[in-house]
C-alpha cells in the first residue's frame, strides 16, 4: 500500500468523526438553549472530534473492521454527550 492509499484510508476513516464534531459544535449552543457557557466553536469541535475518533478506533478494534453502524451510533452519542457534560461542569 502506497502513501496515497494510506492517506486516503485515514481521511475516509476520520471524515465521519470530523463531520459529526463540526455539526455538534455548531448546534450545541442552540440545543442547550443558550443557558450553558460552552467553550468556543473550535475548542468544542476539537473535543468532540477527539472523543469521536477514540470511539471509532475502539470500534475498529472491537469489531475488527471499520464502518459498523454500532460504532457510528456510539460515536454520535458520545459526541453529543461532550457539550452536555461540559455545560454541566461549567454551570454555576
PDB file of N, CA and C in Angstrom:
ATOM      1  N   UNK A   1       0.852  -1.162   0.000  1.00  0.00           N
ATOM      2  CA  UNK A   1       0.000   0.000   0.000  1.00  0.00           C
ATOM      3  C   UNK A   1       0.903   1.232   0.000  1.00  0.00           C
ATOM      4  N   UNK A   2       0.614   2.144  -0.897  1.00  0.00           N
ATOM      5  CA  UNK A   2       1.416   3.343  -1.023  1.00  0.00           C
ATOM      6  C   UNK A   2       1.001   4.439  -0.059  1.00  0.00           C
ATOM      7  N   UNK A   3       1.742   5.518  -0.087  1.00  0.00           N
ATOM      8  CA  UNK A   3       1.472   6.643   0.805  1.00  0.00           C
ATOM      9  C   UNK A   3       0.123   7.284   0.508  1.00  0.00           C
ATOM     10  N   UNK A   4      -0.238   7.397  -0.760  1.00  0.00           N
ATOM     11  CA  UNK A   4      -1.539   7.975  -1.109  1.00  0.00           C
ATOM     12  C   UNK A   4      -2.693   7.095  -0.654  1.00  0.00           C
ATOM     13  N   UNK A   5      -2.514   5.784  -0.722  1.00  0.00           N
ATOM     14  CA  UNK A   5      -3.550   4.874  -0.239  1.00  0.00           C
ATOM     15  C   UNK A   5      -3.736   4.994   1.270  1.00  0.00           C
ATOM     16  N   UNK A   6      -2.629   5.094   1.989  1.00  0.00           N
ATOM     17  CA  UNK A   6      -2.704   5.251   3.443  1.00  0.00           C
ATOM     18  C   UNK A   6      -3.396   6.560   3.799  1.00  0.00           C
ATOM     19  N   UNK A   7      -3.040   7.642   3.115  1.00  0.00           N
ATOM     20  CA  UNK A   7      -3.683   8.934   3.367  1.00  0.00           C
ATOM     21  C   UNK A   7      -5.176   8.872   3.048  1.00  0.00           C
ATOM     22  N   UNK A   8      -5.525   8.202   1.966  1.00  0.00           N
ATOM     23  CA  UNK A   8      -6.937   8.069   1.598  1.00  0.00           C
ATOM     24  C   UNK A   8      -7.711   7.295   2.661  1.00  0.00           C
ATOM     25  N   UNK A   9      -7.145   6.221   3.175  1.00  0.00           N
ATOM     26  CA  UNK A   9      -7.811   5.442   4.217  1.00  0.00           C
ATOM     27  C   UNK A   9      -7.964   6.256   5.503  1.00  0.00           C
ATOM     28  N   UNK A  10      -6.926   6.998   5.879  1.00  0.00           N
ATOM     29  CA  UNK A  10      -7.020   7.801   7.104  1.00  0.00           C
ATOM     30  C   UNK A  10      -8.049   8.921   6.971  1.00  0.00           C
ATOM     31  N   UNK A  11      -8.091   9.556   5.805  1.00  0.00           N
ATOM     32  CA  UNK A  11      -9.083  10.613   5.585  1.00  0.00           C
ATOM     33  C   UNK A  11     -10.497  10.044   5.630  1.00  0.00           C
ATOM     34  N   UNK A  12     -10.700   8.911   4.979  1.00  0.00           N
ATOM     35  CA  UNK A  12     -12.024   8.294   4.979  1.00  0.00           C
ATOM     36  C   UNK A  12     -12.410   7.739   6.347  1.00  0.00           C
ATOM     37  N   UNK A  13     -11.435   7.355   7.153  1.00  0.00           N
ATOM     38  CA  UNK A  13     -11.723   6.872   8.497  1.00  0.00           C
ATOM     39  C   UNK A  13     -12.120   8.010   9.430  1.00  0.00           C
ATOM     40  N   UNK A  14     -11.458   9.167   9.285  1.00  0.00           N
ATOM     41  CA  UNK A  14     -11.714  10.281  10.198  1.00  0.00           C
ATOM     42  C   UNK A  14     -12.818  11.224   9.726  1.00  0.00           C
ATOM     43  N   UNK A  15     -13.260  11.100   8.500  1.00  0.00           N
ATOM     44  CA  UNK A  15     -14.274  12.023   7.971  1.00  0.00           C
ATOM     45  C   UNK A  15     -15.593  11.991   8.748  1.00  0.00           C
ATOM     46  N   UNK A  16     -16.141  10.827   9.105  1.00  0.00           N
ATOM     47  CA  UNK A  16     -17.386  10.854   9.891  1.00  0.00           C
ATOM     48  C   UNK A  16     -17.217  11.537  11.245  1.00  0.00           C
ATOM     49  N   UNK A  17     -16.076  11.315  11.892  1.00  0.00           N
ATOM     50  CA  UNK A  17     -15.829  11.955  13.187  1.00  0.00           C
ATOM     51  C   UNK A  17     -15.735  13.467  13.036  1.00  0.00           C
ATOM     52  N   UNK A  18     -15.081  13.918  11.981  1.00  0.00           N
ATOM     53  CA  UNK A  18     -14.948  15.361  11.754  1.00  0.00           C
ATOM     54  C   UNK A  18     -16.301  15.999  11.459  1.00  0.00           C
ATOM     55  N   UNK A  19     -17.101  15.362  10.616  1.00  0.00           N
ATOM     56  CA  UNK A  19     -18.410  15.918  10.273  1.00  0.00           C
ATOM     57  C   UNK A  19     -19.311  16.003  11.498  1.00  0.00           C
ATOM     58  N   UNK A  20     -19.374  14.937  12.276  1.00  0.00           N
ATOM     59  CA  UNK A  20     -20.235  14.933  13.460  1.00  0.00           C
ATOM     60  C   UNK A  20     -19.736  15.940  14.485  1.00  0.00           C
ATOM     61  N   UNK A  21     -18.432  16.081  14.631  1.00  0.00           N
ATOM     62  CA  UNK A  21     -17.883  17.037  15.594  1.00  0.00           C
ATOM     63  C   UNK A  21     -18.201  18.473  15.200  1.00  0.00           C
ATOM     64  N   UNK A  22     -18.056  18.801  13.936  1.00  0.00           N
ATOM     65  CA  UNK A  22     -18.360  20.160  13.481  1.00  0.00           C
ATOM     66  C   UNK A  22     -19.861  20.442  13.607  1.00  0.00           C
ATOM     67  N   UNK A  23     -20.680  19.485  13.224  1.00  0.00           N
ATOM     68  CA  UNK A  23     -22.132  19.636  13.338  1.00  0.00           C
ATOM     69  C   UNK A  23     -22.543  19.831  14.794  1.00  0.00           C
ATOM     70  N   UNK A  24     -21.970  19.039  15.689  1.00  0.00           N
ATOM     71  CA  UNK A  24     -22.309  19.145  17.106  1.00  0.00           C
ATOM     72  C   UNK A  24     -21.852  20.468  17.690  1.00  0.00           C
ATOM     73  N   UNK A  25     -20.648  20.889  17.362  1.00  0.00           N
ATOM     74  CA  UNK A  25     -20.148  22.158  17.892  1.00  0.00           C
ATOM     75  C   UNK A  25     -20.966  23.335  17.376  1.00  0.00           C
ATOM     76  N   UNK A  26     -21.433  23.242  16.136  1.00  0.00           N
ATOM     77  CA  UNK A  26     -22.210  24.332  15.554  1.00  0.00           C
ATOM     78  C   UNK A  26     -23.575  24.468  16.225  1.00  0.00           C
ATOM     79  N   UNK A  27     -24.223  23.353  16.513  1.00  0.00           N
ATOM     80  CA  UNK A  27     -25.576  23.395  17.057  1.00  0.00           C
ATOM     81  C   UNK A  27     -25.652  23.205  18.569  1.00  0.00           C
ATOM     82  N   UNK A  28     -24.529  23.128  19.255  1.00  0.00           N
ATOM     83  CA  UNK A  28     -24.554  22.878  20.696  1.00  0.00           C
ATOM     84  C   UNK A  28     -25.192  24.028  21.469  1.00  0.00           C
ATOM     85  N   UNK A  29     -24.908  25.247  21.075  1.00  0.00           N
ATOM     86  CA  UNK A  29     -25.460  26.386  21.813  1.00  0.00           C
ATOM     87  C   UNK A  29     -26.981  26.475  21.680  1.00  0.00           C
ATOM     88  N   UNK A  30     -27.501  26.222  20.507  1.00  0.00           N
ATOM     89  CA  UNK A  30     -28.948  26.293  20.339  1.00  0.00           C
ATOM     90  C   UNK A  30     -29.640  25.097  20.984  1.00  0.00           C
ATOM     91  N   UNK A  31     -28.986  23.942  21.007  1.00  0.00           N
ATOM     92  CA  UNK A  31     -29.590  22.761  21.608  1.00  0.00           C
ATOM     93  C   UNK A  31     -29.651  22.889  23.127  1.00  0.00           C
ATOM     94  N   UNK A  32     -28.686  23.588  23.701  1.00  0.00           N
ATOM     95  CA  UNK A  32     -28.679  23.769  25.147  1.00  0.00           C
ATOM     96  C   UNK A  32     -29.375  25.069  25.550  1.00  0.00           C
ATOM     97  N   UNK A  33     -30.072  25.681  24.604  1.00  0.00           N
ATOM     98  CA  UNK A  33     -30.899  26.870  24.813  1.00  0.00           C
ATOM     99  C   UNK A  33     -30.141  28.057  25.372  1.00  0.00           C
ATOM    100  N   UNK A  34     -28.867  28.119  25.122  1.00  0.00           N
ATOM    101  CA  UNK A  34     -28.078  29.281  25.500  1.00  0.00           C
ATOM    102  C   UNK A  34     -27.877  29.456  26.985  1.00  0.00           C
ATOM    103  N   UNK A  35     -28.293  28.491  27.779  1.00  0.00           N
ATOM    104  CA  UNK A  35     -28.136  28.622  29.229  1.00  0.00           C
ATOM    105  C   UNK A  35     -26.751  28.200  29.696  1.00  0.00           C
ATOM    106  N   UNK A  36     -26.039  27.512  28.853  1.00  0.00           N
ATOM    107  CA  UNK A  36     -24.732  26.984  29.256  1.00  0.00           C
ATOM    108  C   UNK A  36     -23.614  27.844  28.695  1.00  0.00           C
ATOM    109  N   UNK A  37     -22.552  27.937  29.456  1.00  0.00           N
ATOM    110  CA  UNK A  37     -21.350  28.610  28.978  1.00  0.00           C
ATOM    111  C   UNK A  37     -20.427  27.551  28.416  1.00  0.00           C
ATOM    112  N   UNK A  38     -20.399  27.438  27.115  1.00  0.00           N
ATOM    113  CA  UNK A  38     -19.550  26.456  26.444  1.00  0.00           C
ATOM    114  C   UNK A  38     -18.283  27.129  25.947  1.00  0.00           C
ATOM    115  N   UNK A  39     -17.223  26.349  25.737  1.00  0.00           N
ATOM    116  CA  UNK A  39     -16.024  26.940  25.141  1.00  0.00           C
ATOM    117  C   UNK A  39     -16.299  27.342  23.695  1.00  0.00           C
ATOM    118  N   UNK A  40     -15.342  27.961  23.069  1.00  0.00           N
ATOM    119  CA  UNK A  40     -15.504  28.415  21.703  1.00  0.00           C
ATOM    120  C   UNK A  40     -15.747  27.277  20.727  1.00  0.00           C
ATOM    121  N   UNK A  41     -16.145  27.663  19.517  1.00  0.00           N
ATOM    122  CA  UNK A  41     -16.503  26.688  18.494  1.00  0.00           C
ATOM    123  C   UNK A  41     -15.353  25.734  18.190  1.00  0.00           C
ATOM    124  N   UNK A  42     -14.168  26.267  17.977  1.00  0.00           N
ATOM    125  CA  UNK A  42     -13.033  25.438  17.586  1.00  0.00           C
ATOM    126  C   UNK A  42     -12.633  24.471  18.693  1.00  0.00           C
ATOM    127  N   UNK A  43     -12.590  24.935  19.915  1.00  0.00           N
ATOM    128  CA  UNK A  43     -12.221  24.070  21.034  1.00  0.00           C
ATOM    129  C   UNK A  43     -13.261  22.971  21.243  1.00  0.00           C
ATOM    130  N   UNK A  44     -14.532  23.321  21.141  1.00  0.00           N
ATOM    131  CA  UNK A  44     -15.586  22.323  21.294  1.00  0.00           C
ATOM    132  C   UNK A  44     -15.541  21.305  20.151  1.00  0.00           C
ATOM    133  N   UNK A  45     -15.282  21.776  18.937  1.00  0.00           N
ATOM    134  CA  UNK A  45     -15.178  20.862  17.795  1.00  0.00           C
ATOM    135  C   UNK A  45     -13.995  19.914  17.958  1.00  0.00           C
ATOM    136  N   UNK A  46     -12.888  20.404  18.488  1.00  0.00           N
ATOM    137  CA  UNK A  46     -11.720  19.540  18.703  1.00  0.00           C
ATOM    138  C   UNK A  46     -12.011  18.495  19.765  1.00  0.00           C
ATOM    139  N   UNK A  47     -12.655  18.887  20.863  1.00  0.00           N
ATOM    140  CA  UNK A  47     -13.008  17.924  21.905  1.00  0.00           C
ATOM    141  C   UNK A  47     -13.948  16.849  21.359  1.00  0.00           C
ATOM    142  N   UNK A  48     -14.934  17.259  20.596  1.00  0.00           N
ATOM    143  CA  UNK A  48     -15.877  16.300  20.007  1.00  0.00           C
ATOM    144  C   UNK A  48     -15.174  15.397  18.996  1.00  0.00           C
ATOM    145  N   UNK A  49     -14.273  15.964  18.212  1.00  0.00           N
ATOM    146  CA  UNK A  49     -13.546  15.169  17.222  1.00  0.00           C
ATOM    147  C   UNK A  49     -12.679  14.112  17.892  1.00  0.00           C
ATOM    148  N   UNK A  50     -11.970  14.490  18.932  1.00  0.00           N
ATOM    149  CA  UNK A  50     -11.106  13.532  19.630  1.00  0.00           C
ATOM    150  C   UNK A  50     -11.940  12.426  20.267  1.00  0.00           C
ATOM    151  N   UNK A  51     -13.046  12.791  20.903  1.00  0.00           N
ATOM    152  CA  UNK A  51     -13.915  11.777  21.513  1.00  0.00           C
ATOM    153  C   UNK A  51     -14.493  10.847  20.448  1.00  0.00           C
ATOM    154  N   UNK A  52     -14.911  11.401  19.318  1.00  0.00           N
ATOM    155  CA  UNK A  52     -15.464  10.585  18.243  1.00  0.00           C
ATOM    156  C   UNK A  52     -14.409   9.671  17.643  1.00  0.00           C
ATOM    157  N   UNK A  53     -13.215  10.189  17.482  1.00  0.00           N
ATOM    158  CA  UNK A  53     -12.132   9.385  16.920  1.00  0.00           C
ATOM    159  C   UNK A  53     -11.753   8.237  17.849  1.00  0.00           C
ATOM    160  N   UNK A  54     -11.770   8.475  19.140  1.00  0.00           N
ATOM    161  CA  UNK A  54     -11.493   7.398  20.099  1.00  0.00           C
ATOM    162  C   UNK A  54     -12.545   6.306  19.985  1.00  0.00           C
ATOM    163  N   UNK A  55     -13.809   6.693  19.851  1.00  0.00           N
ATOM    164  CA  UNK A  55     -14.873   5.706  19.701  1.00  0.00           C
ATOM    165  C   UNK A  55     -14.694   4.906  18.417  1.00  0.00           C
ATOM    166  N   UNK A  56     -14.331   5.566  17.324  1.00  0.00           N
ATOM    167  CA  UNK A  56     -14.134   4.842  16.068  1.00  0.00           C
ATOM    168  C   UNK A  56     -12.949   3.884  16.142  1.00  0.00           C
ATOM    169  N   UNK A  57     -11.885   4.270  16.812  1.00  0.00           N
ATOM    170  CA  UNK A  57     -10.727   3.385  16.961  1.00  0.00           C
ATOM    171  C   UNK A  57     -11.094   2.180  17.827  1.00  0.00           C
ATOM    172  N   UNK A  58     -11.836   2.406  18.901  1.00  0.00           N
ATOM    173  CA  UNK A  58     -12.274   1.294  19.743  1.00  0.00           C
ATOM    174  C   UNK A  58     -13.225   0.386  18.967  1.00  0.00           C
ATOM    175  N   UNK A  59     -14.109   0.964  18.163  1.00  0.00           N
ATOM    176  CA  UNK A  59     -14.998   0.158  17.327  1.00  0.00           C
ATOM    177  C   UNK A  59     -14.230  -0.657  16.300  1.00  0.00           C
ATOM    178  N   UNK A  60     -13.193  -0.084  15.734  1.00  0.00           N
ATOM    179  CA  UNK A  60     -12.349  -0.816  14.788  1.00  0.00           C
ATOM    180  C   UNK A  60     -11.642  -1.972  15.471  1.00  0.00           C
ATOM    181  N   UNK A  61     -11.162  -1.732  16.677  1.00  0.00           N
ATOM    182  CA  UNK A  61     -10.501  -2.789  17.432  1.00  0.00           C
ATOM    183  C   UNK A  61     -11.498  -3.877  17.836  1.00  0.00           C
ATOM    184  N   UNK A  62     -12.683  -3.471  18.318  1.00  0.00           N
ATOM    185  CA  UNK A  62     -13.662  -4.427  18.837  1.00  0.00           C
ATOM    186  C   UNK A  62     -14.266  -5.288  17.724  1.00  0.00           C
ATOM    187  N   UNK A  63     -14.685  -4.658  16.636  1.00  0.00           N
ATOM    188  CA  UNK A  63     -15.338  -5.386  15.558  1.00  0.00           C
ATOM    189  C   UNK A  63     -14.357  -5.963  14.535  1.00  0.00           C
ATOM    190  N   UNK A  64     -13.158  -5.438  14.503  1.00  0.00           N
ATOM    191  CA  UNK A  64     -12.176  -5.935  13.558  1.00  0.00           C
ATOM    192  C   UNK A  64     -12.286  -5.321  12.175  1.00  0.00           C
ATOM    193  N   UNK A  65     -13.205  -4.405  11.991  1.00  0.00           N
ATOM    194  CA  UNK A  65     -13.345  -3.714  10.714  1.00  0.00           C
ATOM    195  C   UNK A  65     -14.027  -2.367  10.935  1.00  0.00           C
ATOM    196  N   UNK A  66     -13.870  -1.527   9.963  1.00  0.00           N
ATOM    197  CA  UNK A  66     -14.393  -0.171  10.045  1.00  0.00           C
ATOM    198  C   UNK A  66     -15.784  -0.117   9.424  1.00  0.00           C
ATOM    199  N   UNK A  67     -16.570   0.863   9.818  1.00  0.00           N
ATOM    200  CA  UNK A  67     -17.838   1.130   9.160  1.00  0.00           C
ATOM    201  C   UNK A  67     -19.034   0.426   9.751  1.00  0.00           C
ATOM    202  N   UNK A  68     -18.939  -0.090  10.946  1.00  0.00           N
ATOM    203  CA  UNK A  68     -20.092  -0.725  11.579  1.00  0.00           C
ATOM    204  C   UNK A  68     -21.045   0.359  12.087  1.00  0.00           C
ATOM    205  N   UNK A  69     -22.319   0.130  11.910  1.00  0.00           N
ATOM    206  CA  UNK A  69     -23.314   1.112  12.346  1.00  0.00           C
ATOM    207  C   UNK A  69     -23.313   1.265  13.865  1.00  0.00           C
ATOM    208  N   UNK A  70     -22.975   0.220  14.585  1.00  0.00           N
ATOM    209  CA  UNK A  70     -22.904   0.325  16.046  1.00  0.00           C
ATOM    210  C   UNK A  70     -21.824   1.327  16.454  1.00  0.00           C
ATOM    211  N   UNK A  71     -20.705   1.314  15.767  1.00  0.00           N
ATOM    212  CA  UNK A  71     -19.638   2.280  16.068  1.00  0.00           C
ATOM    213  C   UNK A  71     -20.098   3.700  15.794  1.00  0.00           C
ATOM    214  N   UNK A  72     -20.805   3.884  14.680  1.00  0.00           N
ATOM    215  CA  UNK A  72     -21.296   5.218  14.342  1.00  0.00           C
ATOM    216  C   UNK A  72     -22.365   5.688  15.331  1.00  0.00           C
ATOM    217  N   UNK A  73     -23.219   4.785  15.790  1.00  0.00           N
ATOM    218  CA  UNK A  73     -24.247   5.159  16.760  1.00  0.00           C
ATOM    219  C   UNK A  73     -23.624   5.588  18.080  1.00  0.00           C
ATOM    220  N   UNK A  74     -22.635   4.831  18.540  1.00  0.00           N
ATOM    221  CA  UNK A  74     -21.958   5.204  19.784  1.00  0.00           C
ATOM    222  C   UNK A  74     -21.182   6.501  19.597  1.00  0.00           C
ATOM    223  N   UNK A  75     -20.603   6.708  18.415  1.00  0.00           N
ATOM    224  CA  UNK A  75     -19.880   7.940  18.132  1.00  0.00           C
ATOM    225  C   UNK A  75     -20.799   9.150  18.246  1.00  0.00           C
ATOM    226  N   UNK A  76     -21.989   9.051  17.698  1.00  0.00           N
ATOM    227  CA  UNK A  76     -22.939  10.163  17.776  1.00  0.00           C
ATOM    228  C   UNK A  76     -23.356  10.420  19.219  1.00  0.00           C
ATOM    229  N   UNK A  77     -23.604   9.371  19.987  1.00  0.00           N
ATOM    230  CA  UNK A  77     -23.984   9.546  21.392  1.00  0.00           C
ATOM    231  C   UNK A  77     -22.867  10.176  22.212  1.00  0.00           C
ATOM    232  N   UNK A  78     -21.649   9.727  21.995  1.00  0.00           N
ATOM    233  CA  UNK A  78     -20.510  10.290  22.740  1.00  0.00           C
ATOM    234  C   UNK A  78     -20.275  11.739  22.336  1.00  0.00           C
ATOM    235  N   UNK A  79     -20.367  12.011  21.043  1.00  0.00           N
ATOM    236  CA  UNK A  79     -20.127  13.378  20.572  1.00  0.00           C
ATOM    237  C   UNK A  79     -21.207  14.326  21.092  1.00  0.00           C
ATOM    238  N   UNK A  80     -22.433  13.857  21.194  1.00  0.00           N
ATOM    239  CA  UNK A  80     -23.500  14.695  21.753  1.00  0.00           C
ATOM    240  C   UNK A  80     -23.354  14.859  23.257  1.00  0.00           C
ATOM    241  N   UNK A  81     -22.707  13.924  23.906  1.00  0.00           N
ATOM    242  CA  UNK A  81     -22.526  13.998  25.353  1.00  0.00           C
ATOM    243  C   UNK A  81     -21.418  14.967  25.767  1.00  0.00           C
ATOM    244  N   UNK A  82     -20.486  15.231  24.873  1.00  0.00           N
ATOM    245  CA  UNK A  82     -19.369  16.115  25.212  1.00  0.00           C
ATOM    246  C   UNK A  82     -19.843  17.527  25.560  1.00  0.00           C
ATOM    247  N   UNK A  83     -20.627  18.220  24.707  1.00  0.00           N
ATOM    248  CA  UNK A  83     -21.073  19.561  25.103  1.00  0.00           C
ATOM    249  C   UNK A  83     -22.015  19.536  26.300  1.00  0.00           C
ATOM    250  N   UNK A  84     -22.796  18.495  26.410  1.00  0.00           N
ATOM    251  CA  UNK A  84     -23.709  18.385  27.551  1.00  0.00           C
ATOM    252  C   UNK A  84     -22.906  18.278  28.844  1.00  0.00           C
ATOM    253  N   UNK A  85     -21.866  17.438  28.851  1.00  0.00           N
ATOM    254  CA  UNK A  85     -21.044  17.279  30.053  1.00  0.00           C
ATOM    255  C   UNK A  85     -20.263  18.551  30.353  1.00  0.00           C
ATOM    256  N   UNK A  86     -19.791  19.224  29.317  1.00  0.00           N
ATOM    257  CA  UNK A  86     -19.061  20.470  29.529  1.00  0.00           C
ATOM    258  C   UNK A  86     -19.981  21.558  30.078  1.00  0.00           C
ATOM    259  N   UNK A  87     -21.199  21.582  29.623  1.00  0.00           N
ATOM    260  CA  UNK A  87     -22.153  22.590  30.109  1.00  0.00           C
ATOM    261  C   UNK A  87     -22.522  22.325  31.559  1.00  0.00           C
ATOM    262  N   UNK A  88     -22.665  21.080  31.943  1.00  0.00           N
ATOM    263  CA  UNK A  88     -22.980  20.757  33.329  1.00  0.00           C
ATOM    264  C   UNK A  88     -21.818  21.072  34.259  1.00  0.00           C
ATOM    265  N   UNK A  89     -20.600  20.921  33.748  1.00  0.00           N
ATOM    266  CA  UNK A  89     -19.435  21.207  34.572  1.00  0.00           C
ATOM    267  C   UNK A  89     -19.171  22.684  34.755  1.00  0.00           C
ATOM    268  N   UNK A  90     -19.656  23.517  33.850  1.00  0.00           N
ATOM    269  CA  UNK A  90     -19.398  24.952  33.934  1.00  0.00           C
ATOM    270  C   UNK A  90     -20.558  25.723  34.546  1.00  0.00           C
ATOM    271  N   UNK A  91     -21.638  25.039  34.856  1.00  0.00           N
ATOM    272  CA  UNK A  91     -22.771  25.752  35.451  1.00  0.00           C
ATOM    273  C   UNK A  91     -22.402  26.246  36.832  1.00  0.00           C
ATOM    274  N   UNK A  92     -22.967  27.361  37.141  1.00  0.00           N
ATOM    275  CA  UNK A  92     -22.620  27.756  38.348  1.00  0.00           C
ATOM    276  C   UNK A  92     -22.714  28.649  39.342  1.00  0.00           C
TER     277      UNK A  92
END
